[in-house]
């Protein structure tokens, strides 16, 4: 009986965590070839941005890691806005961004420089 009760408590706690924690939502990226600037908007809703936020972003140019950026909060309760300069990016190159949540999951987006 104690094992069943313990299992039920663990199950309820894990469901509570999964409801409150979610990976970043949509990732929007655009690259300006005139100034080599990558503009990023990551949708990630949170009621407590000091505890549940986009905590890490990795940017790769043609599969080589260029940028790793860690955070302790996010821009606001709905999104994380970012700007990165990526010198040397040229037409046909691939830029891949991975955004990680401080609680659960990640989201990846890839664009081709035009």
N, C-alpha and C. Protein backbone atom coordinates (compact mmCIF):
# COMPACT_ATOMS: atom_id res chain seq x y z
N UNK A 1 0.81 -1.20 0.00
CA UNK A 1 0.00 0.00 0.00
C UNK A 1 0.86 1.27 0.00
N UNK A 2 1.96 1.25 0.78
CA UNK A 2 2.84 2.40 0.83
C UNK A 2 3.49 2.66 -0.53
N UNK A 3 3.82 1.58 -1.24
CA UNK A 3 4.43 1.73 -2.56
C UNK A 3 3.46 2.38 -3.54
N UNK A 4 2.20 1.99 -3.47
CA UNK A 4 1.18 2.55 -4.36
C UNK A 4 0.99 4.04 -4.05
N UNK A 5 0.95 4.38 -2.78
CA UNK A 5 0.79 5.78 -2.37
C UNK A 5 2.00 6.61 -2.83
N UNK A 6 3.19 6.09 -2.64
CA UNK A 6 4.40 6.77 -3.07
C UNK A 6 4.41 6.96 -4.58
N UNK A 7 4.03 5.93 -5.31
CA UNK A 7 3.97 6.02 -6.77
C UNK A 7 2.95 7.08 -7.21
N UNK A 8 1.81 7.14 -6.53
CA UNK A 8 0.79 8.13 -6.86
C UNK A 8 1.31 9.55 -6.62
N UNK A 9 2.01 9.76 -5.52
CA UNK A 9 2.57 11.08 -5.21
C UNK A 9 3.60 11.48 -6.27
N UNK A 10 4.48 10.56 -6.63
CA UNK A 10 5.49 10.84 -7.65
C UNK A 10 4.82 11.16 -8.99
N UNK A 11 3.81 10.42 -9.35
CA UNK A 11 3.09 10.66 -10.60
C UNK A 11 2.42 12.04 -10.60
N UNK A 12 1.78 12.40 -9.52
CA UNK A 12 1.12 13.71 -9.42
C UNK A 12 2.15 14.83 -9.51
N UNK A 13 3.27 14.69 -8.82
CA UNK A 13 4.31 15.72 -8.88
C UNK A 13 4.89 15.85 -10.28
N UNK A 14 5.11 14.75 -10.96
CA UNK A 14 5.66 14.82 -12.31
C UNK A 14 4.67 15.44 -13.29
N UNK A 15 3.38 15.17 -13.11
CA UNK A 15 2.37 15.80 -13.96
C UNK A 15 2.29 17.30 -13.71
N UNK A 16 2.42 17.70 -12.47
CA UNK A 16 2.41 19.13 -12.13
C UNK A 16 3.58 19.83 -12.78
N UNK A 17 4.76 19.24 -12.74
CA UNK A 17 5.94 19.82 -13.37
C UNK A 17 5.76 19.91 -14.87
N UNK A 18 5.23 18.87 -15.50
CA UNK A 18 5.09 18.89 -16.95
C UNK A 18 4.04 19.89 -17.41
N UNK A 19 3.05 20.18 -16.59
CA UNK A 19 2.05 21.18 -16.95
C UNK A 19 2.65 22.58 -16.89
N UNK A 20 3.46 22.86 -15.88
CA UNK A 20 4.01 24.21 -15.72
C UNK A 20 5.25 24.44 -16.58
N UNK A 21 5.96 23.40 -16.95
CA UNK A 21 7.17 23.54 -17.75
C UNK A 21 6.89 23.15 -19.19
N UNK A 22 7.42 23.94 -20.11
CA UNK A 22 7.22 23.67 -21.52
C UNK A 22 8.42 24.21 -22.29
N UNK A 23 8.71 23.61 -23.44
CA UNK A 23 9.84 24.10 -24.23
C UNK A 23 9.51 25.46 -24.85
N UNK A 24 10.53 26.16 -25.33
CA UNK A 24 10.26 27.40 -26.05
C UNK A 24 9.30 27.14 -27.21
N UNK A 25 8.50 28.15 -27.52
CA UNK A 25 7.54 28.03 -28.62
C UNK A 25 8.20 28.35 -29.95
N UNK A 26 7.53 29.17 -30.74
CA UNK A 26 8.02 29.51 -32.07
C UNK A 26 9.32 30.31 -31.99
N UNK A 27 10.24 30.00 -32.90
CA UNK A 27 11.48 30.75 -33.04
C UNK A 27 11.45 31.44 -34.40
N UNK A 28 11.54 32.76 -34.40
CA UNK A 28 11.58 33.53 -35.64
C UNK A 28 12.98 34.12 -35.79
N UNK A 29 13.56 33.95 -36.99
CA UNK A 29 14.91 34.47 -37.25
C UNK A 29 14.95 35.15 -38.60
N UNK A 30 15.73 36.22 -38.67
CA UNK A 30 16.03 36.85 -39.96
C UNK A 30 17.47 37.32 -39.92
N UNK A 31 18.13 37.26 -41.07
CA UNK A 31 19.54 37.66 -41.14
C UNK A 31 19.68 38.81 -42.13
N UNK A 32 20.29 39.90 -41.67
CA UNK A 32 20.53 41.07 -42.50
C UNK A 32 21.97 41.00 -43.02
N UNK A 33 22.12 40.78 -44.34
CA UNK A 33 23.45 40.61 -44.92
C UNK A 33 24.23 41.93 -44.98
N UNK A 34 23.55 43.06 -44.89
CA UNK A 34 24.25 44.35 -44.94
C UNK A 34 25.08 44.60 -43.68
N UNK A 35 24.56 44.17 -42.53
CA UNK A 35 25.31 44.39 -41.28
C UNK A 35 25.65 43.09 -40.55
N UNK A 36 25.41 41.95 -41.21
CA UNK A 36 25.69 40.61 -40.63
C UNK A 36 24.99 40.38 -39.30
N UNK A 37 23.78 40.90 -39.17
CA UNK A 37 23.05 40.83 -37.90
C UNK A 37 21.92 39.79 -37.99
N UNK A 38 21.92 38.88 -37.03
CA UNK A 38 20.85 37.90 -36.88
C UNK A 38 19.87 38.43 -35.85
N UNK A 39 18.61 38.58 -36.23
CA UNK A 39 17.57 39.03 -35.32
C UNK A 39 16.70 37.84 -34.96
N UNK A 40 16.47 37.64 -33.66
CA UNK A 40 15.77 36.45 -33.18
C UNK A 40 14.66 36.84 -32.21
N UNK A 41 13.51 36.20 -32.37
CA UNK A 41 12.42 36.31 -31.41
C UNK A 41 12.01 34.90 -31.02
N UNK A 42 12.08 34.59 -29.73
CA UNK A 42 11.71 33.27 -29.23
C UNK A 42 10.48 33.43 -28.35
N UNK A 43 9.38 32.80 -28.76
CA UNK A 43 8.16 32.85 -27.96
C UNK A 43 8.28 31.85 -26.82
N UNK A 44 8.09 32.32 -25.59
CA UNK A 44 8.16 31.44 -24.42
C UNK A 44 7.40 32.09 -23.28
N UNK A 45 6.18 31.65 -23.07
CA UNK A 45 5.32 32.24 -22.03
C UNK A 45 5.71 31.74 -20.65
N UNK A 46 5.77 32.68 -19.70
CA UNK A 46 6.12 32.33 -18.32
C UNK A 46 5.53 33.37 -17.37
N UNK A 47 4.98 32.89 -16.27
CA UNK A 47 4.48 33.80 -15.23
C UNK A 47 5.58 34.23 -14.26
N UNK A 48 6.72 33.53 -14.30
CA UNK A 48 7.83 33.85 -13.39
C UNK A 48 9.13 33.77 -14.18
N UNK A 49 9.51 34.87 -14.84
CA UNK A 49 10.66 34.85 -15.74
C UNK A 49 12.01 34.76 -15.03
N UNK A 50 12.02 34.81 -13.71
CA UNK A 50 13.28 34.59 -13.00
C UNK A 50 13.48 33.11 -12.66
N UNK A 51 12.43 32.30 -12.86
CA UNK A 51 12.51 30.86 -12.57
C UNK A 51 12.29 30.01 -13.82
N UNK A 52 11.43 30.44 -14.72
CA UNK A 52 11.07 29.67 -15.91
C UNK A 52 11.28 30.58 -17.12
N UNK A 53 12.34 30.32 -17.89
CA UNK A 53 12.76 31.25 -18.94
C UNK A 53 13.62 30.53 -19.97
N UNK A 54 13.90 31.18 -21.08
CA UNK A 54 14.87 30.67 -22.04
C UNK A 54 16.24 30.88 -21.40
N UNK A 55 16.91 29.77 -21.05
CA UNK A 55 18.16 29.92 -20.29
C UNK A 55 19.42 29.73 -21.12
N UNK A 56 19.30 29.20 -22.33
CA UNK A 56 20.50 29.01 -23.13
C UNK A 56 20.14 29.06 -24.61
N UNK A 57 20.99 29.73 -25.38
CA UNK A 57 20.84 29.79 -26.84
C UNK A 57 22.18 29.45 -27.46
N UNK A 58 22.16 28.56 -28.45
CA UNK A 58 23.35 28.21 -29.20
C UNK A 58 23.10 28.55 -30.67
N UNK A 59 24.07 29.23 -31.29
CA UNK A 59 23.97 29.58 -32.70
C UNK A 59 25.13 28.92 -33.44
N UNK A 60 24.77 28.22 -34.54
CA UNK A 60 25.79 27.56 -35.35
C UNK A 60 25.71 28.10 -36.78
N UNK A 61 26.87 28.33 -37.37
CA UNK A 61 26.97 28.71 -38.77
C UNK A 61 27.58 27.53 -39.50
N UNK A 62 26.80 26.92 -40.41
CA UNK A 62 27.26 25.74 -41.16
C UNK A 62 27.78 24.65 -40.22
N UNK A 63 27.05 24.35 -39.18
CA UNK A 63 27.35 23.29 -38.20
C UNK A 63 28.52 23.58 -37.27
N UNK A 64 29.16 24.75 -37.37
CA UNK A 64 30.20 25.14 -36.43
C UNK A 64 29.59 26.07 -35.39
N UNK A 65 29.80 25.74 -34.11
CA UNK A 65 29.23 26.58 -33.05
C UNK A 65 29.94 27.93 -33.03
N UNK A 66 29.16 28.99 -33.19
CA UNK A 66 29.70 30.34 -33.15
C UNK A 66 29.41 31.04 -31.84
N UNK A 67 28.20 30.82 -31.31
CA UNK A 67 27.76 31.56 -30.13
C UNK A 67 27.08 30.62 -29.16
N UNK A 68 27.41 30.74 -27.88
CA UNK A 68 26.64 30.10 -26.82
C UNK A 68 26.36 31.19 -25.80
N UNK A 69 25.07 31.40 -25.52
CA UNK A 69 24.65 32.52 -24.68
C UNK A 69 23.75 31.99 -23.57
N UNK A 70 24.13 32.20 -22.32
CA UNK A 70 23.33 31.77 -21.18
C UNK A 70 22.64 32.98 -20.57
N UNK A 71 21.46 32.74 -20.00
CA UNK A 71 20.64 33.80 -19.43
C UNK A 71 20.23 33.45 -18.00
N UNK A 72 19.86 34.49 -17.22
CA UNK A 72 19.31 34.27 -15.88
C UNK A 72 17.86 34.72 -15.80
N UNK A 73 17.34 35.25 -16.90
CA UNK A 73 15.94 35.66 -17.03
C UNK A 73 15.66 35.84 -18.51
N UNK A 74 14.43 36.18 -18.89
CA UNK A 74 14.15 36.49 -20.29
C UNK A 74 13.57 37.89 -20.42
N UNK A 75 13.51 38.39 -21.64
CA UNK A 75 13.14 39.77 -21.92
C UNK A 75 11.84 40.18 -21.25
N UNK A 76 10.80 39.38 -21.41
CA UNK A 76 9.52 39.63 -20.73
C UNK A 76 8.76 38.31 -20.59
N UNK A 77 7.51 38.36 -20.16
CA UNK A 77 6.75 37.13 -19.88
C UNK A 77 6.35 36.36 -21.13
N UNK A 78 6.51 36.94 -22.30
CA UNK A 78 6.07 36.28 -23.53
C UNK A 78 7.19 35.89 -24.47
N UNK A 79 8.27 36.66 -24.51
CA UNK A 79 9.30 36.43 -25.52
C UNK A 79 10.71 36.74 -25.01
N UNK A 80 11.68 36.21 -25.76
CA UNK A 80 13.08 36.55 -25.58
C UNK A 80 13.54 37.14 -26.92
N UNK A 81 13.99 38.40 -26.91
CA UNK A 81 14.50 39.06 -28.11
C UNK A 81 16.02 39.03 -28.09
N UNK A 82 16.62 38.71 -29.24
CA UNK A 82 18.08 38.62 -29.31
C UNK A 82 18.59 39.19 -30.63
N UNK A 83 19.80 39.72 -30.61
CA UNK A 83 20.50 40.18 -31.81
C UNK A 83 21.94 39.68 -31.72
N UNK A 84 22.41 39.04 -32.78
CA UNK A 84 23.78 38.55 -32.82
C UNK A 84 24.44 38.96 -34.12
N UNK A 85 25.68 39.44 -34.02
CA UNK A 85 26.45 39.71 -35.22
C UNK A 85 27.18 38.42 -35.60
N UNK A 86 27.05 38.04 -36.87
CA UNK A 86 27.70 36.83 -37.36
C UNK A 86 28.56 37.22 -38.57
N UNK A 87 29.79 37.69 -38.32
CA UNK A 87 30.65 38.08 -39.43
C UNK A 87 31.03 36.87 -40.28
N UNK A 88 31.14 37.09 -41.57
CA UNK A 88 31.56 36.02 -42.47
C UNK A 88 30.42 35.19 -43.03
N UNK A 89 29.20 35.38 -42.55
CA UNK A 89 28.06 34.64 -43.11
C UNK A 89 27.79 35.15 -44.51
N UNK A 90 27.60 34.21 -45.45
CA UNK A 90 27.38 34.61 -46.84
C UNK A 90 26.22 33.82 -47.43
N UNK A 91 25.80 34.23 -48.60
CA UNK A 91 24.67 33.59 -49.27
C UNK A 91 24.89 32.08 -49.38
N UNK A 92 23.87 31.32 -49.00
CA UNK A 92 23.95 29.86 -49.05
C UNK A 92 24.34 29.22 -47.73
N UNK A 93 24.88 30.01 -46.80
CA UNK A 93 25.24 29.48 -45.48
C UNK A 93 23.99 29.14 -44.68
N UNK A 94 24.13 28.20 -43.77
CA UNK A 94 23.04 27.79 -42.89
C UNK A 94 23.31 28.29 -41.48
N UNK A 95 22.31 28.95 -40.89
CA UNK A 95 22.38 29.39 -39.50
C UNK A 95 21.35 28.59 -38.72
N UNK A 96 21.80 27.89 -37.67
CA UNK A 96 20.92 27.08 -36.84
C UNK A 96 20.97 27.62 -35.42
N UNK A 97 19.79 27.80 -34.83
CA UNK A 97 19.69 28.30 -33.46
C UNK A 97 18.93 27.27 -32.62
N UNK A 98 19.47 26.96 -31.45
CA UNK A 98 18.80 26.09 -30.49
C UNK A 98 18.53 26.90 -29.22
N UNK A 99 17.26 26.93 -28.80
CA UNK A 99 16.85 27.64 -27.58
C UNK A 99 16.41 26.60 -26.56
N UNK A 100 16.93 26.71 -25.33
CA UNK A 100 16.60 25.77 -24.26
C UNK A 100 15.84 26.47 -23.15
N UNK A 101 14.85 25.77 -22.60
CA UNK A 101 14.08 26.26 -21.46
C UNK A 101 14.79 25.88 -20.16
N UNK A 102 14.69 26.73 -19.15
CA UNK A 102 15.31 26.45 -17.85
C UNK A 102 14.64 25.27 -17.14
N UNK A 103 13.42 24.95 -17.52
CA UNK A 103 12.68 23.87 -16.86
C UNK A 103 12.59 22.60 -17.70
N UNK A 104 12.28 22.77 -19.01
CA UNK A 104 12.01 21.58 -19.81
C UNK A 104 12.07 21.88 -21.30
N UNK A 105 12.85 21.12 -22.02
CA UNK A 105 12.78 21.10 -23.47
C UNK A 105 13.56 22.18 -24.21
N UNK A 106 13.58 22.01 -25.52
CA UNK A 106 14.29 22.94 -26.39
C UNK A 106 13.58 23.03 -27.74
N UNK A 107 13.98 24.02 -28.52
CA UNK A 107 13.41 24.23 -29.86
C UNK A 107 14.56 24.65 -30.77
N UNK A 108 14.55 24.13 -32.01
CA UNK A 108 15.60 24.46 -32.96
C UNK A 108 14.99 25.06 -34.22
N UNK A 109 15.71 26.01 -34.80
CA UNK A 109 15.26 26.66 -36.04
C UNK A 109 16.48 26.84 -36.93
N UNK A 110 16.28 26.66 -38.23
CA UNK A 110 17.36 26.80 -39.20
C UNK A 110 16.92 27.71 -40.33
N UNK A 111 17.81 28.59 -40.75
CA UNK A 111 17.54 29.42 -41.93
C UNK A 111 18.76 29.37 -42.85
N UNK A 112 18.53 29.69 -44.11
CA UNK A 112 19.60 29.80 -45.09
C UNK A 112 19.79 31.27 -45.43
N UNK A 113 21.04 31.71 -45.38
CA UNK A 113 21.35 33.10 -45.71
C UNK A 113 21.10 33.30 -47.20
N UNK A 114 20.37 34.37 -47.53
CA UNK A 114 20.06 34.64 -48.95
C UNK A 114 20.95 35.72 -49.50
